[in-house]
């Protein structure tokens, strides 16, 4: 399976939401990172056929998306950022309903529904109304509906929104298992959700794809540029103005800081091991955006 985007762009009036994106993706997990308004959701909706590109095209195994018809829809699973559901339905009824829309035969739909309720740990709540579900349970149900047709391409837009840390850990394990024969494009604001399961990281900013590569290679670009140091509280304001601080921990009259810098920000600074969050923040701090993340 190969999903490619060639010179893909999308405009809404004068606003450019996605600009000249070129990607070639195959089976595996792609962690899609970017701040609000970066263009991630717009790009995902174009891949799913919800939005039509202003220019450029999407191809699946060399075939133009618009020429694929039902064949493409049959291999696509999508969890949107805003997941709608009929609150009067039970979880099981909703999955049966979603399966019928996707054209699954009744016996196959019943079997797949029970498998997915088990996979997403919703079997015990299968007979309960969705309106009684927590936010995390609704997201898990959304993931289940995206998997009903055993898709080869799985698009997940902010899938862990509303999940607690335990549920997110469960989700990461589930995606790792699912990705063995699927192409998974996972958009999130939670860097830890993709740091350990993504085969590649995609970074988008202001409608442009600014970075793509294996996590370890991208993180390696910050080797020797991440520092930790302790700053007296009375010096903090001046220090913060002159340094790119990615994290700070206040301890009474001292502040422990994590800093991005080409050289030690203080004589006592210690070099630190870089992580994906450091890389993510570095992409937005160059123009003073880190304070809004």
C-alpha atoms as a PDB file:
ATOM      1  CA  UNK A   1       0.000   0.000   0.000  1.00  0.00           C
ATOM      2  CA  UNK A   2       1.382   3.393  -1.020  1.00  0.00           C
ATOM      3  CA  UNK A   3      -0.318   6.731  -0.376  1.00  0.00           C
ATOM      4  CA  UNK A   4       1.241   9.708  -2.134  1.00  0.00           C
ATOM      5  CA  UNK A   5       0.474  13.424  -2.245  1.00  0.00           C
ATOM      6  CA  UNK A   6       1.857  15.524  -5.061  1.00  0.00           C
ATOM      7  CA  UNK A   7       1.879  19.337  -4.854  1.00  0.00           C
ATOM      8  CA  UNK A   8      -1.221  19.104  -2.656  1.00  0.00           C
ATOM      9  CA  UNK A   9      -2.699  22.495  -1.698  1.00  0.00           C
ATOM     10  CA  UNK A  10      -5.947  23.761  -0.215  1.00  0.00           C
ATOM     11  CA  UNK A  11      -7.212  27.325  -0.039  1.00  0.00           C
ATOM     12  CA  UNK A  12     -10.236  28.734   1.744  1.00  0.00           C
ATOM     13  CA  UNK A  13     -10.673  32.105   0.067  1.00  0.00           C
ATOM     14  CA  UNK A  14      -7.380  33.957   0.596  1.00  0.00           C
ATOM     15  CA  UNK A  15      -6.249  31.627   3.378  1.00  0.00           C
ATOM     16  CA  UNK A  16      -3.826  28.869   2.416  1.00  0.00           C
ATOM     17  CA  UNK A  17      -4.526  25.924   4.740  1.00  0.00           C
ATOM     18  CA  UNK A  18      -2.199  23.419   3.045  1.00  0.00           C
ATOM     19  CA  UNK A  19       0.611  24.476   0.724  1.00  0.00           C
ATOM     20  CA  UNK A  20       2.463  22.344  -1.851  1.00  0.00           C
ATOM     21  CA  UNK A  21       2.644  19.161   0.227  1.00  0.00           C
ATOM     22  CA  UNK A  22       4.575  16.230  -1.234  1.00  0.00           C
ATOM     23  CA  UNK A  23       4.567  12.924   0.657  1.00  0.00           C
ATOM     24  CA  UNK A  24       4.920   9.234  -0.106  1.00  0.00           C
ATOM     25  CA  UNK A  25       3.718   6.955   2.697  1.00  0.00           C
ATOM     26  CA  UNK A  26       3.571   3.168   3.029  1.00  0.00           C
ATOM     27  CA  UNK A  27       2.585   0.696   5.778  1.00  0.00           C
ATOM     28  CA  UNK A  28       3.545   1.867   9.259  1.00  0.00           C
ATOM     29  CA  UNK A  29       2.667   4.511  11.840  1.00  0.00           C
ATOM     30  CA  UNK A  30       3.139   8.177  10.963  1.00  0.00           C
ATOM     31  CA  UNK A  31       2.985  10.624  13.875  1.00  0.00           C
ATOM     32  CA  UNK A  32       1.568  13.881  12.554  1.00  0.00           C
ATOM     33  CA  UNK A  33       2.481  16.856  14.763  1.00  0.00           C
ATOM     34  CA  UNK A  34       1.681  20.544  14.560  1.00  0.00           C
ATOM     35  CA  UNK A  35       0.060  23.376  16.489  1.00  0.00           C
ATOM     36  CA  UNK A  36      -3.605  24.352  16.095  1.00  0.00           C
ATOM     37  CA  UNK A  37      -4.208  25.790  12.639  1.00  0.00           C
ATOM     38  CA  UNK A  38      -1.153  24.100  11.128  1.00  0.00           C
ATOM     39  CA  UNK A  39      -3.298  22.386   8.461  1.00  0.00           C
ATOM     40  CA  UNK A  40      -3.267  18.812   9.805  1.00  0.00           C
ATOM     41  CA  UNK A  41      -7.034  18.305   9.848  1.00  0.00           C
ATOM     42  CA  UNK A  42      -7.440  19.887   6.399  1.00  0.00           C
ATOM     43  CA  UNK A  43      -4.823  17.545   4.959  1.00  0.00           C
ATOM     44  CA  UNK A  44      -6.455  14.502   6.583  1.00  0.00           C
ATOM     45  CA  UNK A  45      -9.876  15.491   5.245  1.00  0.00           C
ATOM     46  CA  UNK A  46      -8.441  15.736   1.737  1.00  0.00           C
ATOM     47  CA  UNK A  47      -6.947  12.249   2.097  1.00  0.00           C
ATOM     48  CA  UNK A  48     -10.358  10.953   3.187  1.00  0.00           C
ATOM     49  CA  UNK A  49     -12.121  12.668   0.275  1.00  0.00           C
ATOM     50  CA  UNK A  50     -14.138  15.000   2.513  1.00  0.00           C
ATOM     51  CA  UNK A  51     -12.422  18.066   1.032  1.00  0.00           C
ATOM     52  CA  UNK A  52     -11.335  18.533  -2.574  1.00  0.00           C
ATOM     53  CA  UNK A  53      -7.798  19.866  -3.087  1.00  0.00           C
ATOM     54  CA  UNK A  54      -7.457  23.292  -4.682  1.00  0.00           C
ATOM     55  CA  UNK A  55      -4.493  21.919  -6.604  1.00  0.00           C
ATOM     56  CA  UNK A  56      -2.318  18.819  -6.695  1.00  0.00           C
ATOM     57  CA  UNK A  57      -3.520  15.267  -6.268  1.00  0.00           C
ATOM     58  CA  UNK A  58      -3.582  12.219  -4.016  1.00  0.00           C
ATOM     59  CA  UNK A  59      -2.723   8.765  -5.344  1.00  0.00           C
ATOM     60  CA  UNK A  60      -3.226   5.294  -3.885  1.00  0.00           C
ATOM     61  CA  UNK A  61      -0.892   2.697  -5.367  1.00  0.00           C
ATOM     62  CA  UNK A  62      -0.417   4.965  -8.367  1.00  0.00           C
ATOM     63  CA  UNK A  63      -4.158   5.500  -8.970  1.00  0.00           C
ATOM     64  CA  UNK A  64      -5.700   8.952  -8.636  1.00  0.00           C
ATOM     65  CA  UNK A  65      -7.938   9.196  -5.587  1.00  0.00           C
ATOM     66  CA  UNK A  66     -10.902  10.515  -7.585  1.00  0.00           C
ATOM     67  CA  UNK A  67     -10.717   7.504  -9.877  1.00  0.00           C
ATOM     68  CA  UNK A  68     -10.741   4.909  -7.080  1.00  0.00           C
ATOM     69  CA  UNK A  69     -14.398   5.246  -6.007  1.00  0.00           C
ATOM     70  CA  UNK A  70     -15.717   2.570  -3.641  1.00  0.00           C
ATOM     71  CA  UNK A  71     -12.440   0.658  -3.761  1.00  0.00           C
ATOM     72  CA  UNK A  72     -10.703   3.452  -1.866  1.00  0.00           C
ATOM     73  CA  UNK A  73     -13.534   4.026   0.614  1.00  0.00           C
ATOM     74  CA  UNK A  74     -13.582   0.305   1.397  1.00  0.00           C
ATOM     75  CA  UNK A  75      -9.963   0.399   2.538  1.00  0.00           C
ATOM     76  CA  UNK A  76     -10.234   3.632   4.560  1.00  0.00           C
ATOM     77  CA  UNK A  77     -10.933   4.036   8.275  1.00  0.00           C
ATOM     78  CA  UNK A  78     -11.361   7.533   9.721  1.00  0.00           C
ATOM     79  CA  UNK A  79     -11.782   8.950  13.206  1.00  0.00           C
ATOM     80  CA  UNK A  80     -12.439  12.712  12.947  1.00  0.00           C
ATOM     81  CA  UNK A  81     -11.420  15.184  15.622  1.00  0.00           C
ATOM     82  CA  UNK A  82     -15.092  15.910  16.312  1.00  0.00           C
ATOM     83  CA  UNK A  83     -16.759  12.519  16.562  1.00  0.00           C
ATOM     84  CA  UNK A  84     -20.562  12.622  16.182  1.00  0.00           C
ATOM     85  CA  UNK A  85     -22.838   9.849  17.452  1.00  0.00           C
ATOM     86  CA  UNK A  86     -26.568   9.233  18.028  1.00  0.00           C
ATOM     87  CA  UNK A  87     -26.846   9.497  21.846  1.00  0.00           C
ATOM     88  CA  UNK A  88     -29.923   7.254  21.961  1.00  0.00           C
ATOM     89  CA  UNK A  89     -27.964   4.303  20.575  1.00  0.00           C
ATOM     90  CA  UNK A  90     -26.067   1.798  22.651  1.00  0.00           C
ATOM     91  CA  UNK A  91     -22.432   1.148  21.745  1.00  0.00           C
ATOM     92  CA  UNK A  92     -23.359  -2.128  20.068  1.00  0.00           C
ATOM     93  CA  UNK A  93     -26.252  -0.554  18.140  1.00  0.00           C
ATOM     94  CA  UNK A  94     -24.008   2.251  16.935  1.00  0.00           C
ATOM     95  CA  UNK A  95     -21.374  -0.159  15.608  1.00  0.00           C
ATOM     96  CA  UNK A  96     -24.085  -2.207  13.858  1.00  0.00           C
ATOM     97  CA  UNK A  97     -25.384   1.040  12.321  1.00  0.00           C
ATOM     98  CA  UNK A  98     -21.893   2.156  11.232  1.00  0.00           C
ATOM     99  CA  UNK A  99     -21.217  -1.296   9.772  1.00  0.00           C
ATOM    100  CA  UNK A 100     -24.386  -1.131   7.669  1.00  0.00           C
ATOM    101  CA  UNK A 101     -23.306   2.256   6.264  1.00  0.00           C
ATOM    102  CA  UNK A 102     -19.945   0.730   5.357  1.00  0.00           C
ATOM    103  CA  UNK A 103     -21.719  -2.117   3.577  1.00  0.00           C
ATOM    104  CA  UNK A 104     -20.695  -5.009   5.826  1.00  0.00           C
ATOM    105  CA  UNK A 105     -22.920  -8.133   5.612  1.00  0.00           C
ATOM    106  CA  UNK A 106     -25.009  -8.616   8.756  1.00  0.00           C
ATOM    107  CA  UNK A 107     -23.232 -11.708  10.081  1.00  0.00           C
ATOM    108  CA  UNK A 108     -19.814 -10.153   9.467  1.00  0.00           C
ATOM    109  CA  UNK A 109     -20.966  -6.910  11.123  1.00  0.00           C
ATOM    110  CA  UNK A 110     -22.109  -8.722  14.283  1.00  0.00           C
ATOM    111  CA  UNK A 111     -18.860 -10.675  14.539  1.00  0.00           C
ATOM    112  CA  UNK A 112     -16.665  -7.628  13.914  1.00  0.00           C
ATOM    113  CA  UNK A 113     -18.651  -5.529  16.398  1.00  0.00           C
ATOM    114  CA  UNK A 114     -18.006  -7.964  19.236  1.00  0.00           C
ATOM    115  CA  UNK A 115     -14.309  -8.224  18.319  1.00  0.00           C
ATOM    116  CA  UNK A 116     -13.895  -4.453  18.380  1.00  0.00           C
ATOM    117  CA  UNK A 117     -15.860  -3.991  21.600  1.00  0.00           C
ATOM    118  CA  UNK A 118     -13.413  -6.428  23.161  1.00  0.00           C
ATOM    119  CA  UNK A 119     -10.381  -4.777  21.552  1.00  0.00           C
ATOM    120  CA  UNK A 120     -11.364  -1.320  22.843  1.00  0.00           C
ATOM    121  CA  UNK A 121     -12.380  -2.631  26.296  1.00  0.00           C
ATOM    122  CA  UNK A 122     -16.040  -1.689  25.801  1.00  0.00           C
ATOM    123  CA  UNK A 123     -17.628  -5.155  26.006  1.00  0.00           C
ATOM    124  CA  UNK A 124     -18.937  -4.460  29.504  1.00  0.00           C
ATOM    125  CA  UNK A 125     -20.588  -1.230  28.309  1.00  0.00           C
ATOM    126  CA  UNK A 126     -21.864  -2.513  24.954  1.00  0.00           C
ATOM    127  CA  UNK A 127     -25.516  -2.338  26.028  1.00  0.00           C
ATOM    128  CA  UNK A 128     -25.306   1.145  27.572  1.00  0.00           C
ATOM    129  CA  UNK A 129     -26.461   4.356  25.891  1.00  0.00           C
ATOM    130  CA  UNK A 130     -23.620   6.372  24.390  1.00  0.00           C
ATOM    131  CA  UNK A 131     -24.902   9.520  26.119  1.00  0.00           C
ATOM    132  CA  UNK A 132     -23.838   7.974  29.444  1.00  0.00           C
ATOM    133  CA  UNK A 133     -20.238   7.428  28.253  1.00  0.00           C
ATOM    134  CA  UNK A 134     -17.232   9.399  29.408  1.00  0.00           C
ATOM    135  CA  UNK A 135     -15.183  11.311  26.853  1.00  0.00           C
ATOM    136  CA  UNK A 136     -12.581   8.559  26.834  1.00  0.00           C
ATOM    137  CA  UNK A 137     -15.179   5.846  26.217  1.00  0.00           C
ATOM    138  CA  UNK A 138     -16.595   7.824  23.284  1.00  0.00           C
ATOM    139  CA  UNK A 139     -13.127   8.123  21.747  1.00  0.00           C
ATOM    140  CA  UNK A 140     -12.604   4.376  22.114  1.00  0.00           C
ATOM    141  CA  UNK A 141     -15.954   3.788  20.419  1.00  0.00           C
ATOM    142  CA  UNK A 142     -14.840   6.144  17.642  1.00  0.00           C
ATOM    143  CA  UNK A 143     -11.674   4.116  17.172  1.00  0.00           C
ATOM    144  CA  UNK A 144     -13.799   0.943  17.016  1.00  0.00           C
ATOM    145  CA  UNK A 145     -16.005   2.333  14.238  1.00  0.00           C
ATOM    146  CA  UNK A 146     -12.928   3.360  12.250  1.00  0.00           C
ATOM    147  CA  UNK A 147     -11.745  -0.271  12.336  1.00  0.00           C
ATOM    148  CA  UNK A 148     -15.026  -1.929  11.323  1.00  0.00           C
ATOM    149  CA  UNK A 149     -14.069  -2.519   7.697  1.00  0.00           C
ATOM    150  CA  UNK A 150     -10.517  -3.686   8.577  1.00  0.00           C
ATOM    151  CA  UNK A 151      -9.053  -0.676   6.736  1.00  0.00           C
ATOM    152  CA  UNK A 152      -5.661  -0.670   5.076  1.00  0.00           C
ATOM    153  CA  UNK A 153      -5.396   3.102   5.604  1.00  0.00           C
ATOM    154  CA  UNK A 154      -6.327   4.346   9.077  1.00  0.00           C
ATOM    155  CA  UNK A 155      -6.643   8.110   9.654  1.00  0.00           C
ATOM    156  CA  UNK A 156      -6.877   9.166  13.310  1.00  0.00           C
ATOM    157  CA  UNK A 157      -7.320  12.875  14.076  1.00  0.00           C
ATOM    158  CA  UNK A 158      -6.575  13.580  17.774  1.00  0.00           C
ATOM    159  CA  UNK A 159      -7.622  10.016  18.760  1.00  0.00           C
ATOM    160  CA  UNK A 160      -6.476  10.331  22.390  1.00  0.00           C
ATOM    161  CA  UNK A 161      -8.467  13.478  23.176  1.00  0.00           C
ATOM    162  CA  UNK A 162     -10.247  12.820  26.469  1.00  0.00           C
ATOM    163  CA  UNK A 163      -8.255   9.682  27.313  1.00  0.00           C
ATOM    164  CA  UNK A 164      -6.462   9.419  30.649  1.00  0.00           C
ATOM    165  CA  UNK A 165      -2.777   8.296  30.792  1.00  0.00           C
ATOM    166  CA  UNK A 166      -3.729   4.645  31.300  1.00  0.00           C
ATOM    167  CA  UNK A 167      -6.092   4.710  28.307  1.00  0.00           C
ATOM    168  CA  UNK A 168      -3.451   6.430  26.175  1.00  0.00           C
ATOM    169  CA  UNK A 169      -0.924   3.723  27.024  1.00  0.00           C
ATOM    170  CA  UNK A 170      -3.505   1.085  26.056  1.00  0.00           C
ATOM    171  CA  UNK A 171      -4.193   2.950  22.820  1.00  0.00           C
ATOM    172  CA  UNK A 172      -0.498   3.100  21.893  1.00  0.00           C
ATOM    173  CA  UNK A 173      -0.181  -0.653  22.320  1.00  0.00           C
ATOM    174  CA  UNK A 174      -3.283  -1.238  20.213  1.00  0.00           C
ATOM    175  CA  UNK A 175      -2.007   0.961  17.376  1.00  0.00           C
ATOM    176  CA  UNK A 176       1.373  -0.793  17.395  1.00  0.00           C
ATOM    177  CA  UNK A 177      -0.394  -4.129  16.929  1.00  0.00           C
ATOM    178  CA  UNK A 178      -2.728  -2.814  14.232  1.00  0.00           C
ATOM    179  CA  UNK A 179       0.020  -1.160  12.202  1.00  0.00           C
ATOM    180  CA  UNK A 180       1.671  -4.403  11.108  1.00  0.00           C
ATOM    181  CA  UNK A 181      -0.237  -4.379   7.819  1.00  0.00           C
ATOM    182  CA  UNK A 182      -1.780  -0.898   7.783  1.00  0.00           C
ATOM    183  CA  UNK A 183      -0.823   2.669   6.989  1.00  0.00           C
ATOM    184  CA  UNK A 184      -1.712   4.682  10.091  1.00  0.00           C
ATOM    185  CA  UNK A 185      -1.670   8.487  10.045  1.00  0.00           C
ATOM    186  CA  UNK A 186      -2.080   9.708  13.614  1.00  0.00           C
ATOM    187  CA  UNK A 187      -2.471  13.399  14.386  1.00  0.00           C
ATOM    188  CA  UNK A 188      -2.013  14.509  17.984  1.00  0.00           C
ATOM    189  CA  UNK A 189      -0.919  17.336  20.266  1.00  0.00           C
ATOM    190  CA  UNK A 190       0.392  14.815  22.805  1.00  0.00           C
ATOM    191  CA  UNK A 191       3.981  14.184  21.741  1.00  0.00           C
ATOM    192  CA  UNK A 192       4.379  11.113  23.954  1.00  0.00           C
ATOM    193  CA  UNK A 193       1.587   9.369  22.017  1.00  0.00           C
ATOM    194  CA  UNK A 194       3.784   9.076  18.947  1.00  0.00           C
ATOM    195  CA  UNK A 195       7.338   9.244  20.330  1.00  0.00           C
ATOM    196  CA  UNK A 196       7.636   5.475  20.817  1.00  0.00           C
ATOM    197  CA  UNK A 197       5.202   4.021  18.275  1.00  0.00           C
ATOM    198  CA  UNK A 198       5.732   6.186  15.169  1.00  0.00           C
ATOM    199  CA  UNK A 199       7.925   4.809  12.398  1.00  0.00           C
ATOM    200  CA  UNK A 200       8.150   8.344  11.040  1.00  0.00           C
ATOM    201  CA  UNK A 201       7.336  11.821  12.311  1.00  0.00           C
ATOM    202  CA  UNK A 202       5.668  14.426  10.102  1.00  0.00           C
ATOM    203  CA  UNK A 203       5.790  18.036  11.316  1.00  0.00           C
ATOM    204  CA  UNK A 204       3.519  20.711   9.857  1.00  0.00           C
ATOM    205  CA  UNK A 205       3.582  24.455  10.410  1.00  0.00           C
ATOM    206  CA  UNK A 206       1.412  27.148   8.819  1.00  0.00           C
ATOM    207  CA  UNK A 207       0.223  24.796   6.087  1.00  0.00           C
ATOM    208  CA  UNK A 208       3.699  23.558   5.144  1.00  0.00           C
ATOM    209  CA  UNK A 209       5.363  20.231   5.844  1.00  0.00           C
ATOM    210  CA  UNK A 210       8.575  21.305   7.571  1.00  0.00           C
ATOM    211  CA  UNK A 211      10.003  17.995   8.753  1.00  0.00           C
ATOM    212  CA  UNK A 212       9.763  14.276   8.015  1.00  0.00           C
ATOM    213  CA  UNK A 213      11.879  11.372   9.189  1.00  0.00           C
ATOM    214  CA  UNK A 214      12.465   8.618  11.706  1.00  0.00           C
ATOM    215  CA  UNK A 215      12.121   9.884  15.297  1.00  0.00           C
ATOM    216  CA  UNK A 216      15.663   8.952  16.316  1.00  0.00           C
ATOM    217  CA  UNK A 217      17.166  10.737  13.316  1.00  0.00           C
ATOM    218  CA  UNK A 218      15.134  13.913  13.832  1.00  0.00           C
ATOM    219  CA  UNK A 219      15.815  13.970  17.571  1.00  0.00           C
ATOM    220  CA  UNK A 220      19.500  13.386  16.844  1.00  0.00           C
ATOM    221  CA  UNK A 221      19.633  16.797  15.149  1.00  0.00           C
ATOM    222  CA  UNK A 222      19.402  18.320  18.650  1.00  0.00           C
ATOM    223  CA  UNK A 223      22.309  16.333  20.063  1.00  0.00           C
ATOM    224  CA  UNK A 224      24.507  18.699  22.073  1.00  0.00           C
ATOM    225  CA  UNK A 225      21.884  21.464  21.971  1.00  0.00           C
ATOM    226  CA  UNK A 226      19.723  20.606  25.015  1.00  0.00           C
ATOM    227  CA  UNK A 227      20.903  21.786  28.438  1.00  0.00           C
ATOM    228  CA  UNK A 228      19.705  21.676  32.028  1.00  0.00           C
ATOM    229  CA  UNK A 229      20.698  24.257  34.610  1.00  0.00           C
ATOM    230  CA  UNK A 230      19.576  25.880  37.851  1.00  0.00           C
ATOM    231  CA  UNK A 231      18.842  29.609  37.887  1.00  0.00           C
ATOM    232  CA  UNK A 232      18.349  31.815  40.978  1.00  0.00           C
ATOM    233  CA  UNK A 233      14.812  33.228  41.082  1.00  0.00           C
ATOM    234  CA  UNK A 234      16.040  36.824  40.995  1.00  0.00           C
ATOM    235  CA  UNK A 235      17.858  36.138  37.697  1.00  0.00           C
ATOM    236  CA  UNK A 236      14.995  34.253  36.078  1.00  0.00           C
ATOM    237  CA  UNK A 237      13.234  37.053  34.225  1.00  0.00           C
ATOM    238  CA  UNK A 238      16.416  38.133  32.414  1.00  0.00           C
ATOM    239  CA  UNK A 239      17.419  34.503  31.776  1.00  0.00           C
ATOM    240  CA  UNK A 240      14.034  33.639  30.277  1.00  0.00           C
ATOM    241  CA  UNK A 241      14.210  36.593  27.875  1.00  0.00           C
ATOM    242  CA  UNK A 242      17.581  35.591  26.463  1.00  0.00           C
ATOM    243  CA  UNK A 243      17.257  31.768  26.406  1.00  0.00           C
ATOM    244  CA  UNK A 244      14.943  29.317  24.666  1.00  0.00           C
ATOM    245  CA  UNK A 245      13.449  27.635  27.735  1.00  0.00           C
ATOM    246  CA  UNK A 246      11.401  24.512  26.938  1.00  0.00           C
ATOM    247  CA  UNK A 247      10.656  23.532  30.547  1.00  0.00           C
ATOM    248  CA  UNK A 248      10.991  25.095  33.969  1.00  0.00           C
ATOM    249  CA  UNK A 249      10.467  23.774  37.510  1.00  0.00           C
ATOM    250  CA  UNK A 250      10.223  26.366  40.287  1.00  0.00           C
ATOM    251  CA  UNK A 251      11.750  25.292  43.604  1.00  0.00           C
ATOM    252  CA  UNK A 252      11.495  28.140  46.074  1.00  0.00           C
ATOM    253  CA  UNK A 253      14.332  30.577  45.320  1.00  0.00           C
ATOM    254  CA  UNK A 254      15.712  28.456  42.462  1.00  0.00           C
ATOM    255  CA  UNK A 255      14.370  27.337  39.105  1.00  0.00           C
ATOM    256  CA  UNK A 256      15.460  24.222  37.212  1.00  0.00           C
ATOM    257  CA  UNK A 257      15.431  24.989  33.492  1.00  0.00           C
ATOM    258  CA  UNK A 258      15.661  22.907  30.324  1.00  0.00           C
ATOM    259  CA  UNK A 259      17.080  25.033  27.513  1.00  0.00           C
ATOM    260  CA  UNK A 260      17.768  24.764  23.796  1.00  0.00           C
ATOM    261  CA  UNK A 261      21.089  26.403  22.944  1.00  0.00           C
ATOM    262  CA  UNK A 262      24.130  25.966  20.740  1.00  0.00           C
ATOM    263  CA  UNK A 263      26.394  26.403  23.787  1.00  0.00           C
ATOM    264  CA  UNK A 264      25.890  26.159  27.587  1.00  0.00           C
ATOM    265  CA  UNK A 265      23.488  28.903  28.775  1.00  0.00           C
ATOM    266  CA  UNK A 266      25.351  28.986  32.090  1.00  0.00           C
ATOM    267  CA  UNK A 267      28.777  27.802  33.170  1.00  0.00           C
ATOM    268  CA  UNK A 268      27.118  25.200  35.410  1.00  0.00           C
ATOM    269  CA  UNK A 269      24.760  23.882  32.702  1.00  0.00           C
ATOM    270  CA  UNK A 270      24.685  20.129  32.037  1.00  0.00           C
ATOM    271  CA  UNK A 271      24.127  18.621  28.593  1.00  0.00           C
ATOM    272  CA  UNK A 272      20.831  16.654  28.433  1.00  0.00           C
ATOM    273  CA  UNK A 273      19.540  13.859  26.208  1.00  0.00           C
ATOM    274  CA  UNK A 274      17.153  15.396  23.619  1.00  0.00           C
ATOM    275  CA  UNK A 275      13.612  14.101  23.162  1.00  0.00           C
ATOM    276  CA  UNK A 276      10.788  14.512  20.671  1.00  0.00           C
ATOM    277  CA  UNK A 277       9.153  17.218  22.781  1.00  0.00           C
ATOM    278  CA  UNK A 278      12.348  19.276  22.579  1.00  0.00           C
ATOM    279  CA  UNK A 279      12.265  18.926  18.794  1.00  0.00           C
ATOM    280  CA  UNK A 280       8.578  19.839  18.630  1.00  0.00           C
ATOM    281  CA  UNK A 281       9.018  22.954  20.737  1.00  0.00           C
ATOM    282  CA  UNK A 282      12.152  24.015  18.883  1.00  0.00           C
ATOM    283  CA  UNK A 283      10.148  24.241  15.657  1.00  0.00           C
ATOM    284  CA  UNK A 284       7.800  26.808  17.187  1.00  0.00           C
ATOM    285  CA  UNK A 285      10.117  28.765  19.449  1.00  0.00           C
ATOM    286  CA  UNK A 286      12.099  30.285  16.603  1.00  0.00           C
ATOM    287  CA  UNK A 287       9.336  32.823  16.013  1.00  0.00           C
ATOM    288  CA  UNK A 288       8.190  33.144  19.622  1.00  0.00           C
ATOM    289  CA  UNK A 289       5.375  30.622  19.415  1.00  0.00           C
ATOM    290  CA  UNK A 290       6.409  28.397  22.342  1.00  0.00           C
ATOM    291  CA  UNK A 291       4.547  30.534  24.875  1.00  0.00           C
ATOM    292  CA  UNK A 292       1.258  29.588  23.206  1.00  0.00           C
ATOM    293  CA  UNK A 293       1.833  25.812  23.212  1.00  0.00           C
END
